[in-house]
Amino acid sequence: MNKINNQTLALAGILQSVMLVDQLASKGECDADCSVVSLNSITSTSANVYEVFESPVQLSIGMAALKVALGKQTKSIQTVIFYALSLINLEKKLMKNSALLNVISTEISALNKQEFFEITHSNSIARLGELYKTTLGELNPRIMVKGEQLHLSNQRTANHIRALLLWKSQGGKTWHLILNKKKILSAIDALDRIGS
């Protein structure tokens, strides 16, 4: 597929991750199917967005959020957009820190080699959450997740939130949102038709 579709899927991927973070922080739970897709994208070794996300349907929450983010009614997901932009900013800083990149790469490789826990198992999520905490979580400015204290103080939920924040870029850049708005909206419609 073309470059704009790649960028659209990549941006939908990050928005899906942060939408799930927002669900966890406010409700204590999130869409299980989309969570599996987002967690699997973190441990994927492929740089090809089509290998990471098999179908636009897997990014349904992210695609819907991207449509809203590019529309006029963004206030409803303002916090989510802030999380996404913060993650993109942190990723830029991470790319300049080879020591942290090496730590992440080593731990992801170890996770991929384990055979006894699925990515959705609490032990795997705890490992990813700890990896976020000791790498991206150490970079400034830190992402302050807003939500219900009851959920944020729950260790399992906190681990899941941190794991989802360990998002990996697949070609989505902040400026793509601005420069390619019409093309991205057209790509969302086209990808929706493919996924249907």
C-alpha atoms as a PDB file:
ATOM      1  CA  MET A   1       0.000   0.000   0.000  1.00  0.00           C
ATOM      2  CA  ASN A   2       0.990   3.612  -0.312  1.00  0.00           C
ATOM      3  CA  LYS A   3       2.880   5.881   2.065  1.00  0.00           C
ATOM      4  CA  ILE A   4      -0.198   7.793   3.255  1.00  0.00           C
ATOM      5  CA  ASN A   5      -1.916   4.520   4.224  1.00  0.00           C
ATOM      6  CA  ASN A   6       1.214   3.518   6.180  1.00  0.00           C
ATOM      7  CA  GLN A   7       1.189   6.862   7.992  1.00  0.00           C
ATOM      8  CA  THR A   8      -2.529   6.590   8.664  1.00  0.00           C
ATOM      9  CA  LEU A   9      -2.189   3.123  10.201  1.00  0.00           C
ATOM     10  CA  ALA A  10       0.823   4.250  12.240  1.00  0.00           C
ATOM     11  CA  LEU A  11      -1.056   7.263  13.611  1.00  0.00           C
ATOM     12  CA  ALA A  12      -4.105   5.086  14.314  1.00  0.00           C
ATOM     13  CA  GLY A  13      -1.782   2.706  16.175  1.00  0.00           C
ATOM     14  CA  ILE A  14      -0.550   5.365  18.585  1.00  0.00           C
ATOM     15  CA  LEU A  15      -4.037   6.809  19.060  1.00  0.00           C
ATOM     16  CA  GLN A  16      -5.404   3.356  19.803  1.00  0.00           C
ATOM     17  CA  SER A  17      -2.747   2.799  22.464  1.00  0.00           C
ATOM     18  CA  VAL A  18      -3.493   6.090  24.180  1.00  0.00           C
ATOM     19  CA  MET A  19      -7.268   5.601  23.880  1.00  0.00           C
ATOM     20  CA  LEU A  20      -6.804   2.303  25.730  1.00  0.00           C
ATOM     21  CA  VAL A  21      -4.677   4.108  28.337  1.00  0.00           C
ATOM     22  CA  ASP A  22      -7.504   6.604  28.812  1.00  0.00           C
ATOM     23  CA  GLN A  23     -10.066   3.770  29.139  1.00  0.00           C
ATOM     24  CA  LEU A  24      -7.933   2.034  31.769  1.00  0.00           C
ATOM     25  CA  ALA A  25      -7.357   5.247  33.717  1.00  0.00           C
ATOM     26  CA  SER A  26     -11.017   6.246  33.756  1.00  0.00           C
ATOM     27  CA  LYS A  27     -12.803   2.856  33.874  1.00  0.00           C
ATOM     28  CA  GLY A  28     -10.187   0.354  35.075  1.00  0.00           C
ATOM     29  CA  GLU A  29     -10.628  -1.748  31.935  1.00  0.00           C
ATOM     30  CA  CYS A  30     -10.199  -1.404  28.191  1.00  0.00           C
ATOM     31  CA  ASP A  31     -11.185  -3.098  24.949  1.00  0.00           C
ATOM     32  CA  ALA A  32      -9.473  -6.505  25.236  1.00  0.00           C
ATOM     33  CA  ASP A  33      -9.119  -7.208  21.499  1.00  0.00           C
ATOM     34  CA  CYS A  34      -7.591  -3.832  20.722  1.00  0.00           C
ATOM     35  CA  SER A  35      -5.309  -4.163  23.742  1.00  0.00           C
ATOM     36  CA  VAL A  36      -3.908  -7.449  22.382  1.00  0.00           C
ATOM     37  CA  VAL A  37      -3.219  -5.756  19.026  1.00  0.00           C
ATOM     38  CA  SER A  38      -1.514  -2.772  20.673  1.00  0.00           C
ATOM     39  CA  LEU A  39       0.583  -4.923  23.017  1.00  0.00           C
ATOM     40  CA  ASN A  40       1.613  -7.192  20.136  1.00  0.00           C
ATOM     41  CA  SER A  41       2.684  -4.141  18.121  1.00  0.00           C
ATOM     42  CA  ILE A  42       5.154  -3.248  20.886  1.00  0.00           C
ATOM     43  CA  THR A  43       6.851  -6.634  20.709  1.00  0.00           C
ATOM     44  CA  SER A  44       6.795  -6.850  16.909  1.00  0.00           C
ATOM     45  CA  THR A  45      10.229  -6.786  15.307  1.00  0.00           C
ATOM     46  CA  SER A  46       8.865  -5.737  11.920  1.00  0.00           C
ATOM     47  CA  ALA A  47       9.235  -2.207  10.613  1.00  0.00           C
ATOM     48  CA  ASN A  48       6.431  -2.851   8.113  1.00  0.00           C
ATOM     49  CA  VAL A  49       3.157  -1.452   9.438  1.00  0.00           C
ATOM     50  CA  TYR A  50       1.199  -4.074   7.455  1.00  0.00           C
ATOM     51  CA  GLU A  51       3.017  -6.880   9.236  1.00  0.00           C
ATOM     52  CA  VAL A  52       2.435  -5.253  12.620  1.00  0.00           C
ATOM     53  CA  PHE A  53      -1.269  -4.587  12.024  1.00  0.00           C
ATOM     54  CA  GLU A  54      -2.839  -7.278   9.857  1.00  0.00           C
ATOM     55  CA  SER A  55      -6.029  -5.350   9.164  1.00  0.00           C
ATOM     56  CA  PRO A  56      -7.467  -1.860   9.693  1.00  0.00           C
ATOM     57  CA  VAL A  57     -10.210  -3.587  11.726  1.00  0.00           C
ATOM     58  CA  GLN A  58      -7.594  -4.314  14.405  1.00  0.00           C
ATOM     59  CA  LEU A  59      -7.179  -0.550  14.771  1.00  0.00           C
ATOM     60  CA  SER A  60     -10.877   0.305  14.965  1.00  0.00           C
ATOM     61  CA  ILE A  61     -10.514   2.410  18.120  1.00  0.00           C
ATOM     62  CA  GLY A  62      -7.437   4.166  16.756  1.00  0.00           C
ATOM     63  CA  MET A  63      -9.019   4.853  13.367  1.00  0.00           C
ATOM     64  CA  ALA A  64     -12.117   6.333  15.011  1.00  0.00           C
ATOM     65  CA  ALA A  65      -9.936   8.489  17.292  1.00  0.00           C
ATOM     66  CA  LEU A  66      -7.836   9.656  14.335  1.00  0.00           C
ATOM     67  CA  LYS A  67     -10.982  10.716  12.492  1.00  0.00           C
ATOM     68  CA  VAL A  68     -12.083  12.727  15.547  1.00  0.00           C
ATOM     69  CA  ALA A  69      -8.573  14.165  16.040  1.00  0.00           C
ATOM     70  CA  LEU A  70      -8.548  15.481  12.475  1.00  0.00           C
ATOM     71  CA  GLY A  71     -12.086  16.818  12.729  1.00  0.00           C
ATOM     72  CA  LYS A  72     -13.503  19.879  14.393  1.00  0.00           C
ATOM     73  CA  GLN A  73     -14.779  18.237  17.597  1.00  0.00           C
ATOM     74  CA  THR A  74     -11.413  17.355  19.148  1.00  0.00           C
ATOM     75  CA  LYS A  75     -12.344  18.532  22.654  1.00  0.00           C
ATOM     76  CA  SER A  76     -13.823  15.113  23.453  1.00  0.00           C
ATOM     77  CA  ILE A  77     -10.423  13.459  23.037  1.00  0.00           C
ATOM     78  CA  GLN A  78      -8.166  16.371  23.970  1.00  0.00           C
ATOM     79  CA  THR A  79      -6.423  14.363  26.712  1.00  0.00           C
ATOM     80  CA  VAL A  80      -5.809  11.466  24.336  1.00  0.00           C
ATOM     81  CA  ILE A  81      -4.315  13.787  21.704  1.00  0.00           C
ATOM     82  CA  PHE A  82      -2.035  15.242  24.390  1.00  0.00           C
ATOM     83  CA  TYR A  83      -0.870  11.720  25.355  1.00  0.00           C
ATOM     84  CA  ALA A  84      -0.188  10.874  21.708  1.00  0.00           C
ATOM     85  CA  LEU A  85       1.803  14.049  21.054  1.00  0.00           C
ATOM     86  CA  SER A  86       3.735  13.501  24.289  1.00  0.00           C
ATOM     87  CA  LEU A  87       4.607   9.947  23.238  1.00  0.00           C
ATOM     88  CA  ILE A  88       5.814  11.115  19.839  1.00  0.00           C
ATOM     89  CA  ASN A  89       7.958  13.732  21.588  1.00  0.00           C
ATOM     90  CA  LEU A  90       9.379  11.126  23.981  1.00  0.00           C
ATOM     91  CA  GLU A  91      10.141   8.806  21.081  1.00  0.00           C
ATOM     92  CA  LYS A  92      12.237  11.546  19.436  1.00  0.00           C
ATOM     93  CA  LYS A  93      14.264  11.817  22.647  1.00  0.00           C
ATOM     94  CA  LEU A  94      14.530   8.043  22.926  1.00  0.00           C
ATOM     95  CA  MET A  95      15.949   7.770  19.393  1.00  0.00           C
ATOM     96  CA  LYS A  96      18.890   9.913  20.540  1.00  0.00           C
ATOM     97  CA  ASN A  97      19.605   7.675  23.557  1.00  0.00           C
ATOM     98  CA  SER A  98      21.322   4.491  22.378  1.00  0.00           C
ATOM     99  CA  ALA A  99      21.649   3.083  25.909  1.00  0.00           C
ATOM    100  CA  LEU A 100      17.874   3.176  26.504  1.00  0.00           C
ATOM    101  CA  LEU A 101      17.190   1.853  23.007  1.00  0.00           C
ATOM    102  CA  ASN A 102      19.480  -1.086  23.748  1.00  0.00           C
ATOM    103  CA  VAL A 103      17.674  -1.816  27.032  1.00  0.00           C
ATOM    104  CA  ILE A 104      14.308  -1.794  25.263  1.00  0.00           C
ATOM    105  CA  SER A 105      15.563  -3.936  22.393  1.00  0.00           C
ATOM    106  CA  THR A 106      17.096  -6.506  24.748  1.00  0.00           C
ATOM    107  CA  GLU A 107      13.962  -6.782  26.880  1.00  0.00           C
ATOM    108  CA  ILE A 108      11.636  -7.027  23.859  1.00  0.00           C
ATOM    109  CA  SER A 109      13.847  -9.812  22.466  1.00  0.00           C
ATOM    110  CA  ALA A 110      13.653 -11.634  25.796  1.00  0.00           C
ATOM    111  CA  LEU A 111       9.864 -11.254  25.862  1.00  0.00           C
ATOM    112  CA  ASN A 112       9.588 -12.618  22.338  1.00  0.00           C
ATOM    113  CA  LYS A 113      11.641 -15.689  23.285  1.00  0.00           C
ATOM    114  CA  GLN A 114       9.544 -16.613  26.304  1.00  0.00           C
ATOM    115  CA  GLU A 115       7.102 -19.413  25.603  1.00  0.00           C
ATOM    116  CA  PHE A 116       5.160 -19.680  28.823  1.00  0.00           C
ATOM    117  CA  PHE A 117       3.308 -16.337  28.975  1.00  0.00           C
ATOM    118  CA  GLU A 118       1.141 -14.699  26.326  1.00  0.00           C
ATOM    119  CA  ILE A 119       1.541 -10.951  25.834  1.00  0.00           C
ATOM    120  CA  THR A 120      -1.747 -10.385  27.696  1.00  0.00           C
ATOM    121  CA  HIS A 121      -0.637 -12.346  30.768  1.00  0.00           C
ATOM    122  CA  SER A 122      -0.181 -10.164  33.846  1.00  0.00           C
ATOM    123  CA  ASN A 123       3.518 -11.153  34.060  1.00  0.00           C
ATOM    124  CA  SER A 124       4.186  -9.998  30.470  1.00  0.00           C
ATOM    125  CA  ILE A 125       2.275  -6.770  31.035  1.00  0.00           C
ATOM    126  CA  ALA A 126       4.186  -6.188  34.280  1.00  0.00           C
ATOM    127  CA  ARG A 127       7.481  -6.669  32.414  1.00  0.00           C
ATOM    128  CA  LEU A 128       6.461  -4.196  29.730  1.00  0.00           C
ATOM    129  CA  GLY A 129       5.212  -1.770  32.386  1.00  0.00           C
ATOM    130  CA  GLU A 130       8.532  -1.963  34.238  1.00  0.00           C
ATOM    131  CA  LEU A 131      10.398  -1.518  30.955  1.00  0.00           C
ATOM    132  CA  TYR A 132       8.440   1.681  30.287  1.00  0.00           C
ATOM    133  CA  LYS A 133       9.073   2.902  33.822  1.00  0.00           C
ATOM    134  CA  THR A 134      12.852   2.419  33.562  1.00  0.00           C
ATOM    135  CA  THR A 135      13.223   3.798  30.028  1.00  0.00           C
ATOM    136  CA  LEU A 136      10.630   6.194  28.573  1.00  0.00           C
ATOM    137  CA  GLY A 137       9.298   6.911  32.058  1.00  0.00           C
ATOM    138  CA  GLU A 138      12.693   8.393  32.956  1.00  0.00           C
ATOM    139  CA  LEU A 139      12.633  10.919  30.112  1.00  0.00           C
ATOM    140  CA  ASN A 140      11.190  14.396  30.539  1.00  0.00           C
ATOM    141  CA  PRO A 141       8.586  15.646  30.290  1.00  0.00           C
ATOM    142  CA  ARG A 142       6.902  12.646  31.886  1.00  0.00           C
ATOM    143  CA  ILE A 143       3.420  11.700  30.800  1.00  0.00           C
ATOM    144  CA  MET A 144       0.982  12.275  33.647  1.00  0.00           C
ATOM    145  CA  VAL A 145      -2.030  10.052  33.038  1.00  0.00           C
ATOM    146  CA  LYS A 146      -5.307  11.480  34.319  1.00  0.00           C
ATOM    147  CA  GLY A 147      -8.084   9.277  35.610  1.00  0.00           C
ATOM    148  CA  GLU A 148      -9.763   7.768  38.629  1.00  0.00           C
ATOM    149  CA  GLN A 149      -7.343   7.321  41.532  1.00  0.00           C
ATOM    150  CA  LEU A 150      -8.938   3.964  42.327  1.00  0.00           C
ATOM    151  CA  HIS A 151      -7.793   2.639  38.941  1.00  0.00           C
ATOM    152  CA  LEU A 152      -4.477   4.487  38.756  1.00  0.00           C
ATOM    153  CA  SER A 153      -3.414   3.111  42.147  1.00  0.00           C
ATOM    154  CA  ASN A 154      -4.237  -0.479  41.114  1.00  0.00           C
ATOM    155  CA  GLN A 155      -0.870  -2.086  40.284  1.00  0.00           C
ATOM    156  CA  ARG A 156      -2.260  -4.296  37.528  1.00  0.00           C
ATOM    157  CA  THR A 157      -3.971  -1.344  35.826  1.00  0.00           C
ATOM    158  CA  ALA A 158      -0.875   0.847  36.266  1.00  0.00           C
ATOM    159  CA  ASN A 159       1.281  -1.860  34.641  1.00  0.00           C
ATOM    160  CA  HIS A 160      -1.161  -2.123  31.732  1.00  0.00           C
ATOM    161  CA  ILE A 161      -1.136   1.657  31.245  1.00  0.00           C
ATOM    162  CA  ARG A 162       2.672   1.768  31.281  1.00  0.00           C
ATOM    163  CA  ALA A 163       2.882  -1.192  28.900  1.00  0.00           C
ATOM    164  CA  LEU A 164       0.593   0.560  26.396  1.00  0.00           C
ATOM    165  CA  LEU A 165       2.671   3.739  26.681  1.00  0.00           C
ATOM    166  CA  LEU A 166       5.679   1.758  25.462  1.00  0.00           C
ATOM    167  CA  TRP A 167       4.389   2.473  21.981  1.00  0.00           C
ATOM    168  CA  LYS A 168       6.667   1.973  18.977  1.00  0.00           C
ATOM    169  CA  SER A 169       6.554   4.276  15.981  1.00  0.00           C
ATOM    170  CA  GLN A 170       5.703   2.723  12.652  1.00  0.00           C
ATOM    171  CA  GLY A 171       6.125   5.901  10.628  1.00  0.00           C
ATOM    172  CA  GLY A 172       3.556   8.233  12.166  1.00  0.00           C
ATOM    173  CA  LYS A 173       4.927  11.721  12.760  1.00  0.00           C
ATOM    174  CA  THR A 174       3.276  14.738  14.355  1.00  0.00           C
ATOM    175  CA  TRP A 175       3.581  16.874  11.231  1.00  0.00           C
ATOM    176  CA  HIS A 176       1.769  14.249   9.162  1.00  0.00           C
ATOM    177  CA  LEU A 177      -1.363  15.146  11.120  1.00  0.00           C
ATOM    178  CA  ILE A 178      -1.154  18.738   9.962  1.00  0.00           C
ATOM    179  CA  LEU A 179       0.210  18.469   6.419  1.00  0.00           C
ATOM    180  CA  ASN A 180      -1.736  15.429   5.292  1.00  0.00           C
ATOM    181  CA  LYS A 181      -5.083  15.942   7.011  1.00  0.00           C
ATOM    182  CA  LYS A 182      -7.281  15.510   3.900  1.00  0.00           C
ATOM    183  CA  LYS A 183      -5.203  12.610   2.582  1.00  0.00           C
ATOM    184  CA  ILE A 184      -5.323  10.858   5.950  1.00  0.00           C
ATOM    185  CA  LEU A 185      -9.101  11.285   6.207  1.00  0.00           C
ATOM    186  CA  SER A 186      -9.435   9.818   2.693  1.00  0.00           C
ATOM    187  CA  ALA A 187      -7.120   6.964   3.655  1.00  0.00           C
ATOM    188  CA  ILE A 188      -9.233   6.238   6.760  1.00  0.00           C
ATOM    189  CA  ASP A 189     -12.328   5.940   4.556  1.00  0.00           C
ATOM    190  CA  ALA A 190     -10.467   3.704   2.077  1.00  0.00           C
ATOM    191  CA  LEU A 191      -9.024   1.529   4.855  1.00  0.00           C
ATOM    192  CA  ASP A 192     -12.458   1.277   6.465  1.00  0.00           C
ATOM    193  CA  ARG A 193     -13.823  -0.100   3.176  1.00  0.00           C
ATOM    194  CA  ILE A 194     -10.968  -2.641   3.006  1.00  0.00           C
ATOM    195  CA  GLY A 195     -11.596  -3.731   6.589  1.00  0.00           C
ATOM    196  CA  SER A 196     -15.364  -4.112   6.129  1.00  0.00           C
END
